[in-house]
Amino acid sequence: MTQHQDERGMSGLPLLARNLRNLIRAPRALAAIDRRYGKRVAQRKALRRLAFYPGLGLAFNRVKKNANSALILLLHELETGRSTLSDQAKDAAANLFELPADDLARLDDFAVFVTVRNPYSRVLSAFLDKFRFEEYRRKHGDFALTPDGFGAFLDWLDAGGLTRDAHWDKQVRLIALPLARYDAVLRFETLRADAVAFLQSRGLTLPEDALGGEHKGDKGKQTGADRQLGTFYTPERAALVARLYADDFAALDYDPKDRP
């Protein structure tokens, strides 16, 4: 067992015990964040979304529907040399509150990055992905995977469903830092080129097929949302998304007038 594995505990550790341990460690972790970025700069509720890779000197701010799984799989493979399934790669990554003291002490050495995505594409991708599953239809609504079903879904978001799930919640609620404070901001629309440039600057080389298609450990999640924008959007639906996600458009530098 490595020191890092010992600090985090075995994967079978009961969730309650793991959460309690993280709560005990929270003051030390938050103090480390404040030392690096200043007090009240980081969004506390989003800090748990930082996944750390001590072997790579990287920390990734996970944001659902922003190539989150693909990048987690890539980082896991770069750090361990092994390919695995998406859920296993996510479980293997340490969050801020699981970092051992020696890693927190060198927090300045980690390059922290995030991926952002055009809200028009992201919300459609979330809809097409999640409402294939009975669990989501039962919990949130039985929306048909059609343009009219998408319209009904957007109306449901407007009626209070926007914050019900991180797959379609505002990105600004899931991003821990102001964009200017990240070491790199990757754009979903140019993901491979951005990732190659950033990781090469850190002395890392991507596998030939990385981020070029569906990963074998993450089958079935690609929705082709970008190719279907014109089919699912009407001017009225685009206007509604522009209003619902106005904070994302402004903070992430996407133009709401550039409508599908």
C-alpha atoms as a PDB file:
ATOM      1  CA  MET A   1       0.000   0.000   0.000  1.00  0.00           C
ATOM      2  CA  THR A   2       1.362   3.444  -0.903  1.00  0.00           C
ATOM      3  CA  GLN A   3       1.420   6.341   1.549  1.00  0.00           C
ATOM      4  CA  HIS A   4      -1.270   8.063  -0.520  1.00  0.00           C
ATOM      5  CA  GLN A   5      -3.510   4.977  -0.421  1.00  0.00           C
ATOM      6  CA  ASP A   6      -2.950   4.679   3.310  1.00  0.00           C
ATOM      7  CA  GLU A   7      -3.955   8.310   3.850  1.00  0.00           C
ATOM      8  CA  ARG A   8      -7.140   7.883   1.828  1.00  0.00           C
ATOM      9  CA  GLY A   9      -8.079   4.491   3.221  1.00  0.00           C
ATOM     10  CA  MET A  10      -9.121   1.325   1.435  1.00  0.00           C
ATOM     11  CA  SER A  11     -11.833   1.566  -1.188  1.00  0.00           C
ATOM     12  CA  GLY A  12     -14.192  -0.450   1.026  1.00  0.00           C
ATOM     13  CA  LEU A  13     -14.146   2.125   3.818  1.00  0.00           C
ATOM     14  CA  PRO A  14     -17.755   2.869   4.764  1.00  0.00           C
ATOM     15  CA  LEU A  15     -18.986   6.135   3.302  1.00  0.00           C
ATOM     16  CA  LEU A  16     -19.916   7.533   6.727  1.00  0.00           C
ATOM     17  CA  ALA A  17     -16.417   6.990   8.087  1.00  0.00           C
ATOM     18  CA  ARG A  18     -14.878   8.496   4.952  1.00  0.00           C
ATOM     19  CA  ASN A  19     -17.083  11.592   5.212  1.00  0.00           C
ATOM     20  CA  LEU A  20     -16.286  11.977   8.904  1.00  0.00           C
ATOM     21  CA  ARG A  21     -12.571  11.796   8.203  1.00  0.00           C
ATOM     22  CA  ASN A  22     -12.925  14.409   5.449  1.00  0.00           C
ATOM     23  CA  LEU A  23     -14.838  16.679   7.820  1.00  0.00           C
ATOM     24  CA  ILE A  24     -12.025  16.469  10.345  1.00  0.00           C
ATOM     25  CA  ARG A  25      -9.492  17.326   7.639  1.00  0.00           C
ATOM     26  CA  ALA A  26     -11.561  20.171   6.176  1.00  0.00           C
ATOM     27  CA  PRO A  27     -10.061  23.074   8.203  1.00  0.00           C
ATOM     28  CA  ARG A  28      -6.531  22.117   7.156  1.00  0.00           C
ATOM     29  CA  ALA A  29      -7.565  21.762   3.507  1.00  0.00           C
ATOM     30  CA  LEU A  30      -9.450  25.058   3.453  1.00  0.00           C
ATOM     31  CA  ALA A  31      -6.513  26.832   5.078  1.00  0.00           C
ATOM     32  CA  ALA A  32      -4.250  25.526   2.297  1.00  0.00           C
ATOM     33  CA  ILE A  33      -6.648  26.868  -0.356  1.00  0.00           C
ATOM     34  CA  ASP A  34      -6.784  30.259   1.374  1.00  0.00           C
ATOM     35  CA  ARG A  35      -2.987  30.419   1.533  1.00  0.00           C
ATOM     36  CA  ARG A  36      -2.743  29.845  -2.215  1.00  0.00           C
ATOM     37  CA  TYR A  37      -5.627  31.951  -3.492  1.00  0.00           C
ATOM     38  CA  GLY A  38      -6.577  34.278  -0.651  1.00  0.00           C
ATOM     39  CA  LYS A  39      -9.563  34.167   1.645  1.00  0.00           C
ATOM     40  CA  ARG A  40     -13.057  34.037   0.149  1.00  0.00           C
ATOM     41  CA  VAL A  41     -11.699  33.606  -3.392  1.00  0.00           C
ATOM     42  CA  ALA A  42     -12.602  29.940  -3.778  1.00  0.00           C
ATOM     43  CA  GLN A  43     -16.220  28.817  -3.884  1.00  0.00           C
ATOM     44  CA  ARG A  44     -16.327  26.507  -0.877  1.00  0.00           C
ATOM     45  CA  LYS A  45     -19.166  24.278  -2.090  1.00  0.00           C
ATOM     46  CA  ALA A  46     -17.332  23.513  -5.335  1.00  0.00           C
ATOM     47  CA  LEU A  47     -13.964  22.637  -3.782  1.00  0.00           C
ATOM     48  CA  ARG A  48     -14.962  18.985  -3.382  1.00  0.00           C
ATOM     49  CA  ARG A  49     -15.008  18.829  -7.197  1.00  0.00           C
ATOM     50  CA  LEU A  50     -11.231  19.205  -7.359  1.00  0.00           C
ATOM     51  CA  ALA A  51      -9.652  15.846  -8.225  1.00  0.00           C
ATOM     52  CA  PHE A  52      -5.944  15.620  -7.400  1.00  0.00           C
ATOM     53  CA  TYR A  53      -3.225  13.645  -9.154  1.00  0.00           C
ATOM     54  CA  PRO A  54      -0.073  13.968  -7.018  1.00  0.00           C
ATOM     55  CA  GLY A  55       1.974  11.865  -9.413  1.00  0.00           C
ATOM     56  CA  LEU A  56       1.241  14.332 -12.220  1.00  0.00           C
ATOM     57  CA  GLY A  57       1.226  17.509 -10.157  1.00  0.00           C
ATOM     58  CA  LEU A  58      -2.280  18.244 -11.469  1.00  0.00           C
ATOM     59  CA  ALA A  59      -5.687  19.046 -10.042  1.00  0.00           C
ATOM     60  CA  PHE A  60      -8.797  18.881 -12.217  1.00  0.00           C
ATOM     61  CA  ASN A  61     -11.997  20.768 -11.389  1.00  0.00           C
ATOM     62  CA  ARG A  62     -14.604  18.228 -12.443  1.00  0.00           C
ATOM     63  CA  VAL A  63     -17.715  19.689 -14.108  1.00  0.00           C
ATOM     64  CA  LYS A  64     -20.299  17.211 -15.341  1.00  0.00           C
ATOM     65  CA  LYS A  65     -21.012  17.168 -19.098  1.00  0.00           C
ATOM     66  CA  ASN A  66     -17.730  18.994 -19.808  1.00  0.00           C
ATOM     67  CA  ALA A  67     -15.737  15.913 -20.883  1.00  0.00           C
ATOM     68  CA  ASN A  68     -15.478  15.114 -17.190  1.00  0.00           C
ATOM     69  CA  SER A  69     -15.331  11.321 -17.562  1.00  0.00           C
ATOM     70  CA  ALA A  70     -12.989  11.420 -20.556  1.00  0.00           C
ATOM     71  CA  LEU A  71     -10.471  13.587 -18.728  1.00  0.00           C
ATOM     72  CA  ILE A  72     -10.694  11.576 -15.501  1.00  0.00           C
ATOM     73  CA  LEU A  73      -9.947   8.417 -17.486  1.00  0.00           C
ATOM     74  CA  LEU A  74      -7.033  10.100 -19.246  1.00  0.00           C
ATOM     75  CA  LEU A  75      -5.524  11.468 -16.023  1.00  0.00           C
ATOM     76  CA  HIS A  76      -5.882   8.106 -14.307  1.00  0.00           C
ATOM     77  CA  GLU A  77      -4.090   6.409 -17.191  1.00  0.00           C
ATOM     78  CA  LEU A  78      -1.321   9.017 -17.245  1.00  0.00           C
ATOM     79  CA  GLU A  79      -0.747   8.667 -13.501  1.00  0.00           C
ATOM     80  CA  THR A  80      -1.033   4.891 -13.123  1.00  0.00           C
ATOM     81  CA  GLY A  81      -0.199   3.586 -16.594  1.00  0.00           C
ATOM     82  CA  ARG A  82      -3.417   1.575 -16.492  1.00  0.00           C
ATOM     83  CA  SER A  83      -6.750   1.936 -18.247  1.00  0.00           C
ATOM     84  CA  THR A  84      -9.943   1.339 -16.261  1.00  0.00           C
ATOM     85  CA  LEU A  85     -13.664   2.074 -16.182  1.00  0.00           C
ATOM     86  CA  SER A  86     -15.017   5.575 -15.655  1.00  0.00           C
ATOM     87  CA  ASP A  87     -16.514   5.029 -12.191  1.00  0.00           C
ATOM     88  CA  GLN A  88     -13.372   3.302 -10.938  1.00  0.00           C
ATOM     89  CA  ALA A  89     -11.173   6.135 -12.208  1.00  0.00           C
ATOM     90  CA  LYS A  90     -13.401   8.671 -10.448  1.00  0.00           C
ATOM     91  CA  ASP A  91     -13.263   6.752  -7.171  1.00  0.00           C
ATOM     92  CA  ALA A  92      -9.476   6.499  -7.382  1.00  0.00           C
ATOM     93  CA  ALA A  93      -8.924  10.268  -7.596  1.00  0.00           C
ATOM     94  CA  ALA A  94      -8.397  12.060  -4.293  1.00  0.00           C
ATOM     95  CA  ASN A  95     -10.456  15.148  -3.592  1.00  0.00           C
ATOM     96  CA  LEU A  96      -9.124  18.138  -1.670  1.00  0.00           C
ATOM     97  CA  PHE A  97     -10.319  16.810   1.682  1.00  0.00           C
ATOM     98  CA  GLU A  98      -8.620  13.456   1.159  1.00  0.00           C
ATOM     99  CA  LEU A  99      -5.171  14.848   0.440  1.00  0.00           C
ATOM    100  CA  PRO A 100      -2.470  13.916   2.949  1.00  0.00           C
ATOM    101  CA  ALA A 101      -0.702  16.695   4.805  1.00  0.00           C
ATOM    102  CA  ASP A 102       2.417  16.591   2.652  1.00  0.00           C
ATOM    103  CA  ASP A 103       0.386  17.185  -0.534  1.00  0.00           C
ATOM    104  CA  LEU A 104      -1.547  20.045   1.064  1.00  0.00           C
ATOM    105  CA  ALA A 105       1.763  21.597   2.083  1.00  0.00           C
ATOM    106  CA  ARG A 106       2.832  21.681  -1.579  1.00  0.00           C
ATOM    107  CA  LEU A 107      -0.520  22.815  -2.969  1.00  0.00           C
ATOM    108  CA  ASP A 108       1.214  25.613  -4.883  1.00  0.00           C
ATOM    109  CA  ASP A 109       2.997  22.965  -6.962  1.00  0.00           C
ATOM    110  CA  PHE A 110      -0.248  21.615  -8.424  1.00  0.00           C
ATOM    111  CA  ALA A 111      -1.428  23.021 -11.750  1.00  0.00           C
ATOM    112  CA  VAL A 112      -5.191  23.363 -11.454  1.00  0.00           C
ATOM    113  CA  PHE A 113      -7.369  23.266 -14.572  1.00  0.00           C
ATOM    114  CA  VAL A 114     -11.005  23.170 -15.614  1.00  0.00           C
ATOM    115  CA  THR A 115     -13.061  22.587 -18.757  1.00  0.00           C
ATOM    116  CA  VAL A 116     -15.913  24.897 -19.763  1.00  0.00           C
ATOM    117  CA  ARG A 117     -18.641  24.362 -22.368  1.00  0.00           C
ATOM    118  CA  ASN A 118     -21.167  26.378 -24.346  1.00  0.00           C
ATOM    119  CA  PRO A 119     -24.413  26.239 -22.319  1.00  0.00           C
ATOM    120  CA  TYR A 120     -26.542  25.590 -25.418  1.00  0.00           C
ATOM    121  CA  SER A 121     -24.620  22.400 -26.120  1.00  0.00           C
ATOM    122  CA  ARG A 122     -24.177  21.339 -22.508  1.00  0.00           C
ATOM    123  CA  VAL A 123     -27.838  21.407 -21.477  1.00  0.00           C
ATOM    124  CA  LEU A 124     -28.868  19.480 -24.581  1.00  0.00           C
ATOM    125  CA  SER A 125     -26.160  16.894 -23.919  1.00  0.00           C
ATOM    126  CA  ALA A 126     -27.367  16.494 -20.329  1.00  0.00           C
ATOM    127  CA  PHE A 127     -30.934  15.987 -21.544  1.00  0.00           C
ATOM    128  CA  LEU A 128     -30.028  13.432 -24.233  1.00  0.00           C
ATOM    129  CA  ASP A 129     -27.729  11.533 -21.890  1.00  0.00           C
ATOM    130  CA  LYS A 130     -29.642  11.367 -18.620  1.00  0.00           C
ATOM    131  CA  PHE A 131     -33.230  10.941 -19.743  1.00  0.00           C
ATOM    132  CA  ARG A 132     -32.389   7.665 -21.406  1.00  0.00           C
ATOM    133  CA  PHE A 133     -32.478   6.204 -17.903  1.00  0.00           C
ATOM    134  CA  GLU A 134     -35.548   5.220 -15.917  1.00  0.00           C
ATOM    135  CA  GLU A 135     -33.964   6.572 -12.740  1.00  0.00           C
ATOM    136  CA  TYR A 136     -33.881  10.097 -14.148  1.00  0.00           C
ATOM    137  CA  ARG A 137     -37.341   9.878 -15.721  1.00  0.00           C
ATOM    138  CA  ARG A 138     -38.815   8.666 -12.457  1.00  0.00           C
ATOM    139  CA  LYS A 139     -37.050  11.300 -10.362  1.00  0.00           C
ATOM    140  CA  HIS A 140     -37.371  14.370 -12.582  1.00  0.00           C
ATOM    141  CA  GLY A 141     -39.947  13.759 -15.310  1.00  0.00           C
ATOM    142  CA  ASP A 142     -40.736  11.423 -18.169  1.00  0.00           C
ATOM    143  CA  PHE A 143     -39.409  13.645 -20.948  1.00  0.00           C
ATOM    144  CA  ALA A 144     -39.376  12.094 -24.408  1.00  0.00           C
ATOM    145  CA  LEU A 145     -36.008  12.229 -26.172  1.00  0.00           C
ATOM    146  CA  THR A 146     -37.464  14.436 -28.903  1.00  0.00           C
ATOM    147  CA  PRO A 147     -37.348  18.170 -29.670  1.00  0.00           C
ATOM    148  CA  ASP A 148     -40.721  18.610 -27.953  1.00  0.00           C
ATOM    149  CA  GLY A 149     -39.476  16.630 -24.967  1.00  0.00           C
ATOM    150  CA  PHE A 150     -36.452  18.909 -24.789  1.00  0.00           C
ATOM    151  CA  GLY A 151     -38.756  21.923 -24.799  1.00  0.00           C
ATOM    152  CA  ALA A 152     -40.731  20.431 -21.898  1.00  0.00           C
ATOM    153  CA  PHE A 153     -37.465  19.767 -20.054  1.00  0.00           C
ATOM    154  CA  LEU A 154     -36.394  23.412 -20.456  1.00  0.00           C
ATOM    155  CA  ASP A 155     -39.765  24.563 -19.122  1.00  0.00           C
ATOM    156  CA  TRP A 156     -39.204  22.272 -16.128  1.00  0.00           C
ATOM    157  CA  LEU A 157     -35.778  23.832 -15.553  1.00  0.00           C
ATOM    158  CA  ASP A 158     -37.401  27.264 -15.636  1.00  0.00           C
ATOM    159  CA  ALA A 159     -39.993  26.135 -13.083  1.00  0.00           C
ATOM    160  CA  GLY A 160     -37.322  25.207 -10.531  1.00  0.00           C
ATOM    161  CA  GLY A 161     -35.506  22.154 -11.852  1.00  0.00           C
ATOM    162  CA  LEU A 162     -32.298  23.957 -12.792  1.00  0.00           C
ATOM    163  CA  THR A 163     -30.407  23.135  -9.590  1.00  0.00           C
ATOM    164  CA  ARG A 164     -31.787  19.604  -9.167  1.00  0.00           C
ATOM    165  CA  ASP A 165     -28.790  17.860 -10.764  1.00  0.00           C
ATOM    166  CA  ALA A 166     -25.181  18.815 -11.470  1.00  0.00           C
ATOM    167  CA  HIS A 167     -25.382  17.521 -15.047  1.00  0.00           C
ATOM    168  CA  TRP A 168     -27.449  20.578 -16.018  1.00  0.00           C
ATOM    169  CA  ASP A 169     -26.842  22.988 -13.137  1.00  0.00           C
ATOM    170  CA  LYS A 170     -24.994  26.215 -13.937  1.00  0.00           C
ATOM    171  CA  GLN A 171     -21.288  25.724 -14.471  1.00  0.00           C
ATOM    172  CA  VAL A 172     -20.504  28.723 -12.271  1.00  0.00           C
ATOM    173  CA  ARG A 173     -21.920  26.768  -9.332  1.00  0.00           C
ATOM    174  CA  LEU A 174     -19.581  23.839 -10.035  1.00  0.00           C
ATOM    175  CA  ILE A 175     -16.374  25.787 -10.708  1.00  0.00           C
ATOM    176  CA  ALA A 176     -14.330  26.427  -7.588  1.00  0.00           C
ATOM    177  CA  LEU A 177     -12.258  29.438  -8.707  1.00  0.00           C
ATOM    178  CA  PRO A 178     -12.531  32.507 -10.913  1.00  0.00           C
ATOM    179  CA  LEU A 179     -11.375  31.427 -14.377  1.00  0.00           C
ATOM    180  CA  ALA A 180      -8.385  33.762 -14.229  1.00  0.00           C
ATOM    181  CA  ARG A 181      -7.035  31.845 -11.235  1.00  0.00           C
ATOM    182  CA  TYR A 182      -6.782  28.501 -13.030  1.00  0.00           C
ATOM    183  CA  ASP A 183      -3.494  27.442 -14.554  1.00  0.00           C
ATOM    184  CA  ALA A 184      -5.444  26.368 -17.633  1.00  0.00           C
ATOM    185  CA  VAL A 185      -9.012  26.634 -18.904  1.00  0.00           C
ATOM    186  CA  LEU A 186      -9.829  24.040 -21.557  1.00  0.00           C
ATOM    187  CA  ARG A 187     -12.777  24.618 -23.871  1.00  0.00           C
ATOM    188  CA  PHE A 188     -14.947  21.642 -24.713  1.00  0.00           C
ATOM    189  CA  GLU A 189     -15.194  22.855 -28.289  1.00  0.00           C
ATOM    190  CA  THR A 190     -11.408  22.617 -28.767  1.00  0.00           C
ATOM    191  CA  LEU A 191     -10.763  20.021 -26.081  1.00  0.00           C
ATOM    192  CA  ARG A 192      -8.056  17.858 -27.631  1.00  0.00           C
ATOM    193  CA  ALA A 193      -5.947  20.778 -28.866  1.00  0.00           C
ATOM    194  CA  ASP A 194      -6.289  22.576 -25.522  1.00  0.00           C
ATOM    195  CA  ALA A 195      -5.501  19.436 -23.521  1.00  0.00           C
ATOM    196  CA  VAL A 196      -2.475  18.566 -25.655  1.00  0.00           C
ATOM    197  CA  ALA A 197      -1.038  22.073 -25.285  1.00  0.00           C
ATOM    198  CA  PHE A 198      -1.616  22.177 -21.517  1.00  0.00           C
ATOM    199  CA  LEU A 199      -0.362  18.688 -20.724  1.00  0.00           C
ATOM    200  CA  GLN A 200       2.688  19.061 -22.965  1.00  0.00           C
ATOM    201  CA  SER A 201       3.544  22.248 -21.074  1.00  0.00           C
ATOM    202  CA  ARG A 202       3.625  20.029 -17.974  1.00  0.00           C
ATOM    203  CA  GLY A 203       5.912  17.491 -19.638  1.00  0.00           C
ATOM    204  CA  LEU A 204       3.127  14.991 -20.331  1.00  0.00           C
ATOM    205  CA  THR A 205       2.258  13.303 -23.615  1.00  0.00           C
ATOM    206  CA  LEU A 206      -1.236  12.094 -24.499  1.00  0.00           C
ATOM    207  CA  PRO A 207      -1.772   8.642 -25.983  1.00  0.00           C
ATOM    208  CA  GLU A 208      -2.442   8.799 -29.730  1.00  0.00           C
ATOM    209  CA  ASP A 209      -6.165   8.088 -29.393  1.00  0.00           C
ATOM    210  CA  ALA A 210      -6.800  10.190 -26.289  1.00  0.00           C
ATOM    211  CA  LEU A 211      -9.848  12.491 -26.413  1.00  0.00           C
ATOM    212  CA  GLY A 212     -10.396  11.604 -30.047  1.00  0.00           C
ATOM    213  CA  GLY A 213     -13.510   9.505 -29.531  1.00  0.00           C
ATOM    214  CA  GLU A 214     -15.331   7.329 -27.049  1.00  0.00           C
ATOM    215  CA  HIS A 215     -13.053   5.757 -24.438  1.00  0.00           C
ATOM    216  CA  LYS A 216     -13.469   2.018 -23.898  1.00  0.00           C
ATOM    217  CA  GLY A 217     -13.983   2.673 -20.172  1.00  0.00           C
ATOM    218  CA  ASP A 218     -16.772   5.173 -20.809  1.00  0.00           C
ATOM    219  CA  LYS A 219     -19.009   3.545 -23.405  1.00  0.00           C
ATOM    220  CA  GLY A 220     -22.377   5.001 -24.325  1.00  0.00           C
ATOM    221  CA  LYS A 221     -22.054   8.531 -22.945  1.00  0.00           C
ATOM    222  CA  GLN A 222     -21.480  10.482 -26.134  1.00  0.00           C
ATOM    223  CA  THR A 223     -24.731  12.139 -27.193  1.00  0.00           C
ATOM    224  CA  GLY A 224     -23.735  14.017 -30.356  1.00  0.00           C
ATOM    225  CA  ALA A 225     -25.424  17.092 -28.912  1.00  0.00           C
ATOM    226  CA  ASP A 226     -23.342  19.518 -30.971  1.00  0.00           C
ATOM    227  CA  ARG A 227     -24.553  17.882 -34.177  1.00  0.00           C
ATOM    228  CA  GLN A 228     -28.197  18.091 -33.115  1.00  0.00           C
ATOM    229  CA  LEU A 229     -28.480  21.675 -31.929  1.00  0.00           C
ATOM    230  CA  GLY A 230     -30.396  22.763 -35.019  1.00  0.00           C
ATOM    231  CA  THR A 231     -32.888  19.914 -34.607  1.00  0.00           C
ATOM    232  CA  PHE A 232     -33.699  20.434 -30.929  1.00  0.00           C
ATOM    233  CA  TYR A 233     -33.605  24.210 -30.634  1.00  0.00           C
ATOM    234  CA  THR A 234     -36.167  26.790 -31.648  1.00  0.00           C
ATOM    235  CA  PRO A 235     -35.656  30.545 -31.206  1.00  0.00           C
ATOM    236  CA  GLU A 236     -37.870  30.387 -28.110  1.00  0.00           C
ATOM    237  CA  ARG A 237     -35.896  27.537 -26.542  1.00  0.00           C
ATOM    238  CA  ALA A 238     -32.613  29.282 -27.264  1.00  0.00           C
ATOM    239  CA  ALA A 239     -33.914  32.453 -25.626  1.00  0.00           C
ATOM    240  CA  LEU A 240     -34.944  30.466 -22.555  1.00  0.00           C
ATOM    241  CA  VAL A 241     -31.515  28.827 -22.260  1.00  0.00           C
ATOM    242  CA  ALA A 242     -29.849  32.232 -22.703  1.00  0.00           C
ATOM    243  CA  ARG A 243     -31.869  33.515 -19.753  1.00  0.00           C
ATOM    244  CA  LEU A 244     -31.489  30.465 -17.520  1.00  0.00           C
ATOM    245  CA  TYR A 245     -27.735  30.279 -18.062  1.00  0.00           C
ATOM    246  CA  ALA A 246     -27.000  34.001 -18.309  1.00  0.00           C
ATOM    247  CA  ASP A 247     -24.385  33.705 -15.538  1.00  0.00           C
ATOM    248  CA  ASP A 248     -22.535  30.971 -17.433  1.00  0.00           C
ATOM    249  CA  PHE A 249     -22.561  32.867 -20.723  1.00  0.00           C
ATOM    250  CA  ALA A 250     -21.115  35.941 -19.007  1.00  0.00           C
ATOM    251  CA  ALA A 251     -18.550  34.259 -16.761  1.00  0.00           C
ATOM    252  CA  LEU A 252     -17.302  31.703 -19.281  1.00  0.00           C
ATOM    253  CA  ASP A 253     -17.086  34.048 -22.280  1.00  0.00           C
ATOM    254  CA  TYR A 254     -19.709  32.482 -24.520  1.00  0.00           C
ATOM    255  CA  ASP A 255     -21.961  34.730 -26.581  1.00  0.00           C
ATOM    256  CA  PRO A 256     -25.672  34.028 -25.937  1.00  0.00           C
ATOM    257  CA  LYS A 257     -26.460  35.736 -29.236  1.00  0.00           C
ATOM    258  CA  ASP A 258     -24.595  32.989 -31.088  1.00  0.00           C
ATOM    259  CA  ARG A 259     -27.682  30.800 -31.002  1.00  0.00           C
ATOM    260  CA  PRO A 260     -28.190  27.344 -32.527  1.00  0.00           C
END
